[in-house]
Amino acid sequence: MFFLTGYKIASTTIRAKGAVNLLAVTQVTYALCVLLGAVIGCRWGLGGAALGVGIAVILQYVFLVSLAARLLGYLSSRRSSPHPSHGSSAASWRWSLGGLRT
């Protein structure tokens, strides 16, 4: 449930920033991951299919949260500091784990 809620919030943020084309690409990728996860997982029954779809949900969460963080400026393509407490990556992790607290 955490991942579903997180990617709903991230997709709303992406829409608000106007990057609907990028959001559409991630939605198509998500649909393909769900289909592929279900097809591959069905070899192991219903539990395998559920695991495949669950992995697709987690991947969608990671894609959307990183895209939203990049659009909001929390995650840059070039990190200025390798130390986790000084770079923008620490801010993006705090944002994705429950709000940015500075």
PDB file of N, CA and C in Angstrom:
ATOM      1  N   MET A   1       0.817  -1.182   0.000  1.00  0.00           N
ATOM      2  CA  MET A   1       0.000   0.000   0.000  1.00  0.00           C
ATOM      3  C   MET A   1       0.870   1.258   0.000  1.00  0.00           C
ATOM      4  N   PHE A   2       2.001   1.198   0.664  1.00  0.00           N
ATOM      5  CA  PHE A   2       2.912   2.342   0.710  1.00  0.00           C
ATOM      6  C   PHE A   2       3.352   2.735  -0.692  1.00  0.00           C
ATOM      7  N   PHE A   3       3.724   1.741  -1.509  1.00  0.00           N
ATOM      8  CA  PHE A   3       4.227   2.031  -2.840  1.00  0.00           C
ATOM      9  C   PHE A   3       3.123   2.589  -3.737  1.00  0.00           C
ATOM     10  N   LEU A   4       1.902   2.072  -3.607  1.00  0.00           N
ATOM     11  CA  LEU A   4       0.785   2.592  -4.393  1.00  0.00           C
ATOM     12  C   LEU A   4       0.501   4.048  -4.053  1.00  0.00           C
ATOM     13  N   THR A   5       0.460   4.352  -2.760  1.00  0.00           N
ATOM     14  CA  THR A   5       0.221   5.731  -2.340  1.00  0.00           C
ATOM     15  C   THR A   5       1.355   6.645  -2.779  1.00  0.00           C
ATOM     16  N   GLY A   6       2.580   6.166  -2.656  1.00  0.00           N
ATOM     17  CA  GLY A   6       3.737   6.973  -3.048  1.00  0.00           C
ATOM     18  C   GLY A   6       3.752   7.299  -4.519  1.00  0.00           C
ATOM     19  N   TYR A   7       3.405   6.324  -5.371  1.00  0.00           N
ATOM     20  CA  TYR A   7       3.459   6.652  -6.783  1.00  0.00           C
ATOM     21  C   TYR A   7       2.249   7.455  -7.228  1.00  0.00           C
ATOM     22  N   LYS A   8       1.139   7.410  -6.512  1.00  0.00           N
ATOM     23  CA  LYS A   8       0.008   8.301  -6.810  1.00  0.00           C
ATOM     24  C   LYS A   8       0.387   9.755  -6.506  1.00  0.00           C
ATOM     25  N   ILE A   9       1.043   9.970  -5.382  1.00  0.00           N
ATOM     26  CA  ILE A   9       1.481  11.326  -5.026  1.00  0.00           C
ATOM     27  C   ILE A   9       2.528  11.825  -6.011  1.00  0.00           C
ATOM     28  N   ALA A  10       3.470  10.963  -6.381  1.00  0.00           N
ATOM     29  CA  ALA A  10       4.508  11.356  -7.329  1.00  0.00           C
ATOM     30  C   ALA A  10       3.909  11.669  -8.700  1.00  0.00           C
ATOM     31  N   SER A  11       2.916  10.888  -9.144  1.00  0.00           N
ATOM     32  CA  SER A  11       2.316  11.159 -10.451  1.00  0.00           C
ATOM     33  C   SER A  11       1.535  12.467 -10.441  1.00  0.00           C
ATOM     34  N   THR A  12       0.907  12.794  -9.321  1.00  0.00           N
ATOM     35  CA  THR A  12       0.233  14.085  -9.203  1.00  0.00           C
ATOM     36  C   THR A  12       1.237  15.226  -9.272  1.00  0.00           C
ATOM     37  N   THR A  13       2.379  15.056  -8.634  1.00  0.00           N
ATOM     38  CA  THR A  13       3.438  16.061  -8.680  1.00  0.00           C
ATOM     39  C   THR A  13       3.966  16.232 -10.095  1.00  0.00           C
ATOM     40  N   ILE A  14       4.154  15.137 -10.795  1.00  0.00           N
ATOM     41  CA  ILE A  14       4.662  15.200 -12.170  1.00  0.00           C
ATOM     42  C   ILE A  14       3.659  15.907 -13.067  1.00  0.00           C
ATOM     43  N   ARG A  15       2.374  15.611 -12.906  1.00  0.00           N
ATOM     44  CA  ARG A  15       1.341  16.303 -13.686  1.00  0.00           C
ATOM     45  C   ARG A  15       1.326  17.788 -13.374  1.00  0.00           C
ATOM     46  N   ALA A  16       1.494  18.141 -12.103  1.00  0.00           N
ATOM     47  CA  ALA A  16       1.503  19.555 -11.719  1.00  0.00           C
ATOM     48  C   ALA A  16       2.689  20.308 -12.322  1.00  0.00           C
ATOM     49  N   LYS A  17       3.796  19.619 -12.501  1.00  0.00           N
ATOM     50  CA  LYS A  17       4.967  20.244 -13.123  1.00  0.00           C
ATOM     51  C   LYS A  17       4.863  20.280 -14.645  1.00  0.00           C
ATOM     52  N   GLY A  18       3.838  19.648 -15.220  1.00  0.00           N
ATOM     53  CA  GLY A  18       3.606  19.705 -16.651  1.00  0.00           C
ATOM     54  C   GLY A  18       4.344  18.683 -17.485  1.00  0.00           C
ATOM     55  N   ALA A  19       4.876  17.654 -16.860  1.00  0.00           N
ATOM     56  CA  ALA A  19       5.639  16.639 -17.582  1.00  0.00           C
ATOM     57  C   ALA A  19       4.759  15.430 -17.893  1.00  0.00           C
ATOM     58  N   VAL A  20       3.622  15.688 -18.554  1.00  0.00           N
ATOM     59  CA  VAL A  20       2.671  14.609 -18.804  1.00  0.00           C
ATOM     60  C   VAL A  20       3.189  13.619 -19.843  1.00  0.00           C
ATOM     61  N   ASN A  21       4.043  14.054 -20.746  1.00  0.00           N
ATOM     62  CA  ASN A  21       4.611  13.117 -21.723  1.00  0.00           C
ATOM     63  C   ASN A  21       5.520  12.101 -21.036  1.00  0.00           C
ATOM     64  N   LEU A  22       6.324  12.562 -20.106  1.00  0.00           N
ATOM     65  CA  LEU A  22       7.175  11.635 -19.352  1.00  0.00           C
ATOM     66  C   LEU A  22       6.329  10.698 -18.491  1.00  0.00           C
ATOM     67  N   LEU A  23       5.251  11.222 -17.949  1.00  0.00           N
ATOM     68  CA  LEU A  23       4.352  10.395 -17.158  1.00  0.00           C
ATOM     69  C   LEU A  23       3.710   9.311 -18.022  1.00  0.00           C
ATOM     70  N   ALA A  24       3.348   9.655 -19.241  1.00  0.00           N
ATOM     71  CA  ALA A  24       2.761   8.674 -20.154  1.00  0.00           C
ATOM     72  C   ALA A  24       3.752   7.557 -20.472  1.00  0.00           C
ATOM     73  N   VAL A  25       5.013   7.916 -20.645  1.00  0.00           N
ATOM     74  CA  VAL A  25       6.040   6.907 -20.915  1.00  0.00           C
ATOM     75  C   VAL A  25       6.178   5.967 -19.719  1.00  0.00           C
ATOM     76  N   THR A  26       6.157   6.505 -18.513  1.00  0.00           N
ATOM     77  CA  THR A  26       6.274   5.647 -17.336  1.00  0.00           C
ATOM     78  C   THR A  26       5.037   4.768 -17.165  1.00  0.00           C
ATOM     79  N   GLN A  27       3.862   5.269 -17.551  1.00  0.00           N
ATOM     80  CA  GLN A  27       2.645   4.455 -17.456  1.00  0.00           C
ATOM     81  C   GLN A  27       2.679   3.283 -18.432  1.00  0.00           C
ATOM     82  N   VAL A  28       3.185   3.522 -19.645  1.00  0.00           N
ATOM     83  CA  VAL A  28       3.317   2.430 -20.616  1.00  0.00           C
ATOM     84  C   VAL A  28       4.340   1.410 -20.115  1.00  0.00           C
ATOM     85  N   THR A  29       5.443   1.910 -19.570  1.00  0.00           N
ATOM     86  CA  THR A  29       6.456   1.014 -19.009  1.00  0.00           C
ATOM     87  C   THR A  29       5.871   0.193 -17.860  1.00  0.00           C
ATOM     88  N   TYR A  30       5.064   0.823 -17.031  1.00  0.00           N
ATOM     89  CA  TYR A  30       4.419   0.131 -15.917  1.00  0.00           C
ATOM     90  C   TYR A  30       3.489  -0.977 -16.426  1.00  0.00           C
ATOM     91  N   ALA A  31       2.691  -0.664 -17.444  1.00  0.00           N
ATOM     92  CA  ALA A  31       1.782  -1.668 -17.999  1.00  0.00           C
ATOM     93  C   ALA A  31       2.552  -2.861 -18.549  1.00  0.00           C
ATOM     94  N   LEU A  32       3.662  -2.597 -19.220  1.00  0.00           N
ATOM     95  CA  LEU A  32       4.478  -3.688 -19.754  1.00  0.00           C
ATOM     96  C   LEU A  32       5.109  -4.514 -18.631  1.00  0.00           C
ATOM     97  N   CYS A  33       5.547  -3.846 -17.572  1.00  0.00           N
ATOM     98  CA  CYS A  33       6.129  -4.562 -16.432  1.00  0.00           C
ATOM     99  C   CYS A  33       5.090  -5.437 -15.731  1.00  0.00           C
ATOM    100  N   VAL A  34       3.855  -4.932 -15.599  1.00  0.00           N
ATOM    101  CA  VAL A  34       2.793  -5.726 -14.984  1.00  0.00           C
ATOM    102  C   VAL A  34       2.497  -6.950 -15.836  1.00  0.00           C
ATOM    103  N   LEU A  35       2.380  -6.743 -17.135  1.00  0.00           N
ATOM    104  CA  LEU A  35       2.102  -7.856 -18.036  1.00  0.00           C
ATOM    105  C   LEU A  35       3.226  -8.890 -18.008  1.00  0.00           C
ATOM    106  N   LEU A  36       4.449  -8.407 -18.107  1.00  0.00           N
ATOM    107  CA  LEU A  36       5.597  -9.307 -18.086  1.00  0.00           C
ATOM    108  C   LEU A  36       5.722 -10.028 -16.746  1.00  0.00           C
ATOM    109  N   GLY A  37       5.515  -9.306 -15.643  1.00  0.00           N
ATOM    110  CA  GLY A  37       5.587  -9.929 -14.323  1.00  0.00           C
ATOM    111  C   GLY A  37       4.525 -10.994 -14.126  1.00  0.00           C
ATOM    112  N   ALA A  38       3.320 -10.736 -14.633  1.00  0.00           N
ATOM    113  CA  ALA A  38       2.246 -11.720 -14.499  1.00  0.00           C
ATOM    114  C   ALA A  38       2.511 -12.947 -15.368  1.00  0.00           C
ATOM    115  N   VAL A  39       3.001 -12.725 -16.591  1.00  0.00           N
ATOM    116  CA  VAL A  39       3.263 -13.852 -17.494  1.00  0.00           C
ATOM    117  C   VAL A  39       4.400 -14.722 -16.964  1.00  0.00           C
ATOM    118  N   ILE A  40       5.471 -14.081 -16.534  1.00  0.00           N
ATOM    119  CA  ILE A  40       6.602 -14.846 -16.002  1.00  0.00           C
ATOM    120  C   ILE A  40       6.225 -15.517 -14.683  1.00  0.00           C
ATOM    121  N   GLY A  41       5.514 -14.792 -13.828  1.00  0.00           N
ATOM    122  CA  GLY A  41       5.157 -15.328 -12.520  1.00  0.00           C
ATOM    123  C   GLY A  41       4.124 -16.425 -12.547  1.00  0.00           C
ATOM    124  N   CYS A  42       3.318 -16.507 -13.626  1.00  0.00           N
ATOM    125  CA  CYS A  42       2.260 -17.529 -13.656  1.00  0.00           C
ATOM    126  C   CYS A  42       2.826 -18.940 -13.726  1.00  0.00           C
ATOM    127  N   ARG A  43       4.098 -19.089 -14.033  1.00  0.00           N
ATOM    128  CA  ARG A  43       4.723 -20.419 -14.005  1.00  0.00           C
ATOM    129  C   ARG A  43       4.700 -21.009 -12.598  1.00  0.00           C
ATOM    130  N   TRP A  44       4.679 -20.143 -11.587  1.00  0.00           N
ATOM    131  CA  TRP A  44       4.673 -20.578 -10.193  1.00  0.00           C
ATOM    132  C   TRP A  44       3.302 -20.381  -9.553  1.00  0.00           C
ATOM    133  N   GLY A  45       2.285 -20.245 -10.358  1.00  0.00           N
ATOM    134  CA  GLY A  45       0.920 -20.126  -9.845  1.00  0.00           C
ATOM    135  C   GLY A  45       0.538 -18.693  -9.525  1.00  0.00           C
ATOM    136  N   LEU A  46      -0.519 -18.583  -8.753  1.00  0.00           N
ATOM    137  CA  LEU A  46      -1.051 -17.280  -8.399  1.00  0.00           C
ATOM    138  C   LEU A  46      -0.066 -16.469  -7.563  1.00  0.00           C
ATOM    139  N   GLY A  47       0.651 -17.120  -6.668  1.00  0.00           N
ATOM    140  CA  GLY A  47       1.649 -16.427  -5.851  1.00  0.00           C
ATOM    141  C   GLY A  47       2.772 -15.844  -6.683  1.00  0.00           C
ATOM    142  N   GLY A  48       3.203 -16.563  -7.706  1.00  0.00           N
ATOM    143  CA  GLY A  48       4.248 -16.052  -8.592  1.00  0.00           C
ATOM    144  C   GLY A  48       3.784 -14.865  -9.405  1.00  0.00           C
ATOM    145  N   ALA A  49       2.529 -14.927  -9.882  1.00  0.00           N
ATOM    146  CA  ALA A  49       1.982 -13.804 -10.637  1.00  0.00           C
ATOM    147  C   ALA A  49       1.843 -12.577  -9.737  1.00  0.00           C
ATOM    148  N   ALA A  50       1.404 -12.788  -8.498  1.00  0.00           N
ATOM    149  CA  ALA A  50       1.281 -11.677  -7.553  1.00  0.00           C
ATOM    150  C   ALA A  50       2.644 -11.070  -7.250  1.00  0.00           C
ATOM    151  N   LEU A  51       3.652 -11.910  -7.134  1.00  0.00           N
ATOM    152  CA  LEU A  51       5.005 -11.403  -6.893  1.00  0.00           C
ATOM    153  C   LEU A  51       5.494 -10.590  -8.088  1.00  0.00           C
ATOM    154  N   GLY A  52       5.250 -11.059  -9.296  1.00  0.00           N
ATOM    155  CA  GLY A  52       5.651 -10.325 -10.488  1.00  0.00           C
ATOM    156  C   GLY A  52       4.984  -8.972 -10.585  1.00  0.00           C
ATOM    157  N   VAL A  53       3.687  -8.921 -10.280  1.00  0.00           N
ATOM    158  CA  VAL A  53       2.963  -7.650 -10.315  1.00  0.00           C
ATOM    159  C   VAL A  53       3.434  -6.744  -9.177  1.00  0.00           C
ATOM    160  N   GLY A  54       3.725  -7.325  -8.018  1.00  0.00           N
ATOM    161  CA  GLY A  54       4.244  -6.532  -6.902  1.00  0.00           C
ATOM    162  C   GLY A  54       5.585  -5.894  -7.215  1.00  0.00           C
ATOM    163  N   ILE A  55       6.440  -6.618  -7.905  1.00  0.00           N
ATOM    164  CA  ILE A  55       7.725  -6.055  -8.324  1.00  0.00           C
ATOM    165  C   ILE A  55       7.501  -4.913  -9.313  1.00  0.00           C
ATOM    166  N   ALA A  56       6.512  -5.058 -10.192  1.00  0.00           N
ATOM    167  CA  ALA A  56       6.196  -3.982 -11.140  1.00  0.00           C
ATOM    168  C   ALA A  56       5.721  -2.730 -10.407  1.00  0.00           C
ATOM    169  N   VAL A  57       4.941  -2.890  -9.350  1.00  0.00           N
ATOM    170  CA  VAL A  57       4.473  -1.744  -8.563  1.00  0.00           C
ATOM    171  C   VAL A  57       5.653  -1.039  -7.902  1.00  0.00           C
ATOM    172  N   ILE A  58       6.586  -1.810  -7.356  1.00  0.00           N
ATOM    173  CA  ILE A  58       7.764  -1.215  -6.717  1.00  0.00           C
ATOM    174  C   ILE A  58       8.622  -0.486  -7.743  1.00  0.00           C
ATOM    175  N   LEU A  59       8.799  -1.078  -8.924  1.00  0.00           N
ATOM    176  CA  LEU A  59       9.563  -0.397  -9.974  1.00  0.00           C
ATOM    177  C   LEU A  59       8.890   0.899 -10.398  1.00  0.00           C
ATOM    178  N   GLN A  60       7.567   0.897 -10.520  1.00  0.00           N
ATOM    179  CA  GLN A  60       6.843   2.118 -10.882  1.00  0.00           C
ATOM    180  C   GLN A  60       7.035   3.185  -9.817  1.00  0.00           C
ATOM    181  N   TYR A  61       7.002   2.796  -8.562  1.00  0.00           N
ATOM    182  CA  TYR A  61       7.244   3.732  -7.469  1.00  0.00           C
ATOM    183  C   TYR A  61       8.620   4.371  -7.596  1.00  0.00           C
ATOM    184  N   VAL A  62       9.634   3.544  -7.836  1.00  0.00           N
ATOM    185  CA  VAL A  62      11.001   4.062  -7.955  1.00  0.00           C
ATOM    186  C   VAL A  62      11.111   5.005  -9.157  1.00  0.00           C
ATOM    187  N   PHE A  63      10.528   4.618 -10.296  1.00  0.00           N
ATOM    188  CA  PHE A  63      10.575   5.473 -11.494  1.00  0.00           C
ATOM    189  C   PHE A  63       9.913   6.824 -11.225  1.00  0.00           C
ATOM    190  N   LEU A  64       8.697   6.801 -10.668  1.00  0.00           N
ATOM    191  CA  LEU A  64       7.955   8.040 -10.501  1.00  0.00           C
ATOM    192  C   LEU A  64       8.524   8.936  -9.409  1.00  0.00           C
ATOM    193  N   VAL A  65       8.977   8.344  -8.312  1.00  0.00           N
ATOM    194  CA  VAL A  65       9.552   9.175  -7.246  1.00  0.00           C
ATOM    195  C   VAL A  65      10.855   9.815  -7.709  1.00  0.00           C
ATOM    196  N   SER A  66      11.673   9.075  -8.447  1.00  0.00           N
ATOM    197  CA  SER A  66      12.912   9.679  -8.937  1.00  0.00           C
ATOM    198  C   SER A  66      12.626  10.755  -9.986  1.00  0.00           C
ATOM    199  N   LEU A  67      11.615  10.547 -10.837  1.00  0.00           N
ATOM    200  CA  LEU A  67      11.250  11.570 -11.813  1.00  0.00           C
ATOM    201  C   LEU A  67      10.697  12.814 -11.126  1.00  0.00           C
ATOM    202  N   ALA A  68       9.829  12.632 -10.142  1.00  0.00           N
ATOM    203  CA  ALA A  68       9.281  13.770  -9.405  1.00  0.00           C
ATOM    204  C   ALA A  68      10.383  14.518  -8.656  1.00  0.00           C
ATOM    205  N   ALA A  69      11.297  13.788  -8.054  1.00  0.00           N
ATOM    206  CA  ALA A  69      12.397  14.424  -7.334  1.00  0.00           C
ATOM    207  C   ALA A  69      13.280  15.216  -8.285  1.00  0.00           C
ATOM    208  N   ARG A  70      13.522  14.675  -9.470  1.00  0.00           N
ATOM    209  CA  ARG A  70      14.335  15.386 -10.460  1.00  0.00           C
ATOM    210  C   ARG A  70      13.620  16.648 -10.935  1.00  0.00           C
ATOM    211  N   LEU A  71      12.313  16.559 -11.159  1.00  0.00           N
ATOM    212  CA  LEU A  71      11.554  17.727 -11.610  1.00  0.00           C
ATOM    213  C   LEU A  71      11.470  18.812 -10.544  1.00  0.00           C
ATOM    214  N   LEU A  72      11.445  18.401  -9.284  1.00  0.00           N
ATOM    215  CA  LEU A  72      11.388  19.366  -8.192  1.00  0.00           C
ATOM    216  C   LEU A  72      12.762  19.901  -7.793  1.00  0.00           C
ATOM    217  N   GLY A  73      13.809  19.337  -8.369  1.00  0.00           N
ATOM    218  CA  GLY A  73      15.156  19.820  -8.077  1.00  0.00           C
ATOM    219  C   GLY A  73      15.822  19.137  -6.907  1.00  0.00           C
ATOM    220  N   TYR A  74      15.214  18.098  -6.357  1.00  0.00           N
ATOM    221  CA  TYR A  74      15.821  17.389  -5.243  1.00  0.00           C
ATOM    222  C   TYR A  74      16.878  16.400  -5.697  1.00  0.00           C
ATOM    223  N   LEU A  75      16.799  15.979  -6.929  1.00  0.00           N
ATOM    224  CA  LEU A  75      17.721  14.983  -7.451  1.00  0.00           C
ATOM    225  C   LEU A  75      18.281  15.519  -8.752  1.00  0.00           C
ATOM    226  N   SER A  76      19.572  15.790  -8.765  1.00  0.00           N
ATOM    227  CA  SER A  76      20.180  16.290  -9.991  1.00  0.00           C
ATOM    228  C   SER A  76      20.894  15.147 -10.696  1.00  0.00           C
ATOM    229  N   SER A  77      21.100  15.316 -11.991  1.00  0.00           N
ATOM    230  CA  SER A  77      21.783  14.263 -12.739  1.00  0.00           C
ATOM    231  C   SER A  77      23.260  14.207 -12.372  1.00  0.00           C
ATOM    232  N   ARG A  78      23.789  15.309 -11.846  1.00  0.00           N
ATOM    233  CA  ARG A  78      25.191  15.349 -11.431  1.00  0.00           C
ATOM    234  C   ARG A  78      25.244  15.649  -9.942  1.00  0.00           C
ATOM    235  N   ARG A  79      25.766  14.737  -9.185  1.00  0.00           N
ATOM    236  CA  ARG A  79      25.841  14.938  -7.741  1.00  0.00           C
ATOM    237  C   ARG A  79      27.070  15.767  -7.410  1.00  0.00           C
ATOM    238  N   SER A  80      26.853  16.767  -6.566  1.00  0.00           N
ATOM    239  CA  SER A  80      27.953  17.652  -6.224  1.00  0.00           C
ATOM    240  C   SER A  80      28.802  17.105  -5.082  1.00  0.00           C
ATOM    241  N   SER A  81      28.220  16.263  -4.251  1.00  0.00           N
ATOM    242  CA  SER A  81      28.949  15.750  -3.109  1.00  0.00           C
ATOM    243  C   SER A  81      28.726  14.246  -2.990  1.00  0.00           C
ATOM    244  N   PRO A  82      29.794  13.472  -2.850  1.00  0.00           N
ATOM    245  CA  PRO A  82      29.613  12.028  -2.722  1.00  0.00           C
ATOM    246  C   PRO A  82      29.097  11.603  -1.352  1.00  0.00           C
ATOM    247  N   HIS A  83      29.198  12.472  -0.371  1.00  0.00           N
ATOM    248  CA  HIS A  83      28.769  12.127   0.971  1.00  0.00           C
ATOM    249  C   HIS A  83      27.249  12.201   1.054  1.00  0.00           C
ATOM    250  N   PRO A  84      26.573  11.162   1.582  1.00  0.00           N
ATOM    251  CA  PRO A  84      25.110  11.135   1.558  1.00  0.00           C
ATOM    252  C   PRO A  84      24.429  12.234   2.362  1.00  0.00           C
ATOM    253  N   SER A  85      25.121  12.818   3.338  1.00  0.00           N
ATOM    254  CA  SER A  85      24.463  13.854   4.128  1.00  0.00           C
ATOM    255  C   SER A  85      24.624  15.245   3.524  1.00  0.00           C
ATOM    256  N   HIS A  86      25.391  15.382   2.447  1.00  0.00           N
ATOM    257  CA  HIS A  86      25.615  16.698   1.863  1.00  0.00           C
ATOM    258  C   HIS A  86      25.046  16.869   0.465  1.00  0.00           C
ATOM    259  N   GLY A  87      24.697  15.816  -0.208  1.00  0.00           N
ATOM    260  CA  GLY A  87      24.253  15.929  -1.589  1.00  0.00           C
ATOM    261  C   GLY A  87      22.749  16.032  -1.721  1.00  0.00           C
ATOM    262  N   SER A  88      22.307  16.181  -2.947  1.00  0.00           N
ATOM    263  CA  SER A  88      20.878  16.275  -3.200  1.00  0.00           C
ATOM    264  C   SER A  88      20.204  14.916  -3.057  1.00  0.00           C
ATOM    265  N   SER A  89      20.986  13.832  -3.101  1.00  0.00           N
ATOM    266  CA  SER A  89      20.380  12.509  -2.980  1.00  0.00           C
ATOM    267  C   SER A  89      19.803  12.302  -1.584  1.00  0.00           C
ATOM    268  N   ALA A  90      20.405  12.885  -0.564  1.00  0.00           N
ATOM    269  CA  ALA A  90      19.870  12.749   0.787  1.00  0.00           C
ATOM    270  C   ALA A  90      18.520  13.442   0.887  1.00  0.00           C
ATOM    271  N   ALA A  91      18.381  14.592   0.234  1.00  0.00           N
ATOM    272  CA  ALA A  91      17.102  15.303   0.249  1.00  0.00           C
ATOM    273  C   ALA A  91      16.035  14.508  -0.487  1.00  0.00           C
ATOM    274  N   SER A  92      16.401  13.873  -1.583  1.00  0.00           N
ATOM    275  CA  SER A  92      15.399  13.098  -2.325  1.00  0.00           C
ATOM    276  C   SER A  92      14.965  11.874  -1.545  1.00  0.00           C
ATOM    277  N   TRP A  93      15.868  11.250  -0.815  1.00  0.00           N
ATOM    278  CA  TRP A  93      15.475  10.101   0.001  1.00  0.00           C
ATOM    279  C   TRP A  93      14.550  10.534   1.126  1.00  0.00           C
ATOM    280  N   ARG A  94      14.839  11.664   1.752  1.00  0.00           N
ATOM    281  CA  ARG A  94      13.949  12.136   2.805  1.00  0.00           C
ATOM    282  C   ARG A  94      12.585  12.472   2.235  1.00  0.00           C
ATOM    283  N   TRP A  95      12.547  13.042   1.019  1.00  0.00           N
ATOM    284  CA  TRP A  95      11.286  13.392   0.392  1.00  0.00           C
ATOM    285  C   TRP A  95      10.484  12.140   0.091  1.00  0.00           C
ATOM    286  N   SER A  96      11.127  11.106  -0.430  1.00  0.00           N
ATOM    287  CA  SER A  96      10.396   9.904  -0.819  1.00  0.00           C
ATOM    288  C   SER A  96       9.992   9.066   0.388  1.00  0.00           C
ATOM    289  N   LEU A  97      10.625   9.263   1.523  1.00  0.00           N
ATOM    290  CA  LEU A  97      10.307   8.455   2.693  1.00  0.00           C
ATOM    291  C   LEU A  97       9.378   9.159   3.682  1.00  0.00           C
ATOM    292  N   GLY A  98       8.722  10.197   3.243  1.00  0.00           N
ATOM    293  CA  GLY A  98       7.735  10.759   4.154  1.00  0.00           C
ATOM    294  C   GLY A  98       7.781  12.251   4.312  1.00  0.00           C
ATOM    295  N   GLY A  99       8.317  12.951   3.395  1.00  0.00           N
ATOM    296  CA  GLY A  99       8.311  14.399   3.468  1.00  0.00           C
ATOM    297  C   GLY A  99       9.688  14.958   3.652  1.00  0.00           C
ATOM    298  N   LEU A 100       9.902  16.091   3.060  1.00  0.00           N
ATOM    299  CA  LEU A 100      11.204  16.743   3.150  1.00  0.00           C
ATOM    300  C   LEU A 100      11.229  17.572   4.429  1.00  0.00           C
ATOM    301  N   ARG A 101      12.105  17.204   5.308  1.00  0.00           N
ATOM    302  CA  ARG A 101      12.273  17.943   6.558  1.00  0.00           C
ATOM    303  C   ARG A 101      13.663  18.553   6.566  1.00  0.00           C
ATOM    304  N   THR A 102      13.692  19.850   6.574  1.00  0.00           N
ATOM    305  CA  THR A 102      15.002  20.524   6.571  1.00  0.00           C
ATOM    306  C   THR A 102      15.238  21.214   7.885  1.00  0.00           C
TER     307      THR A 102
END
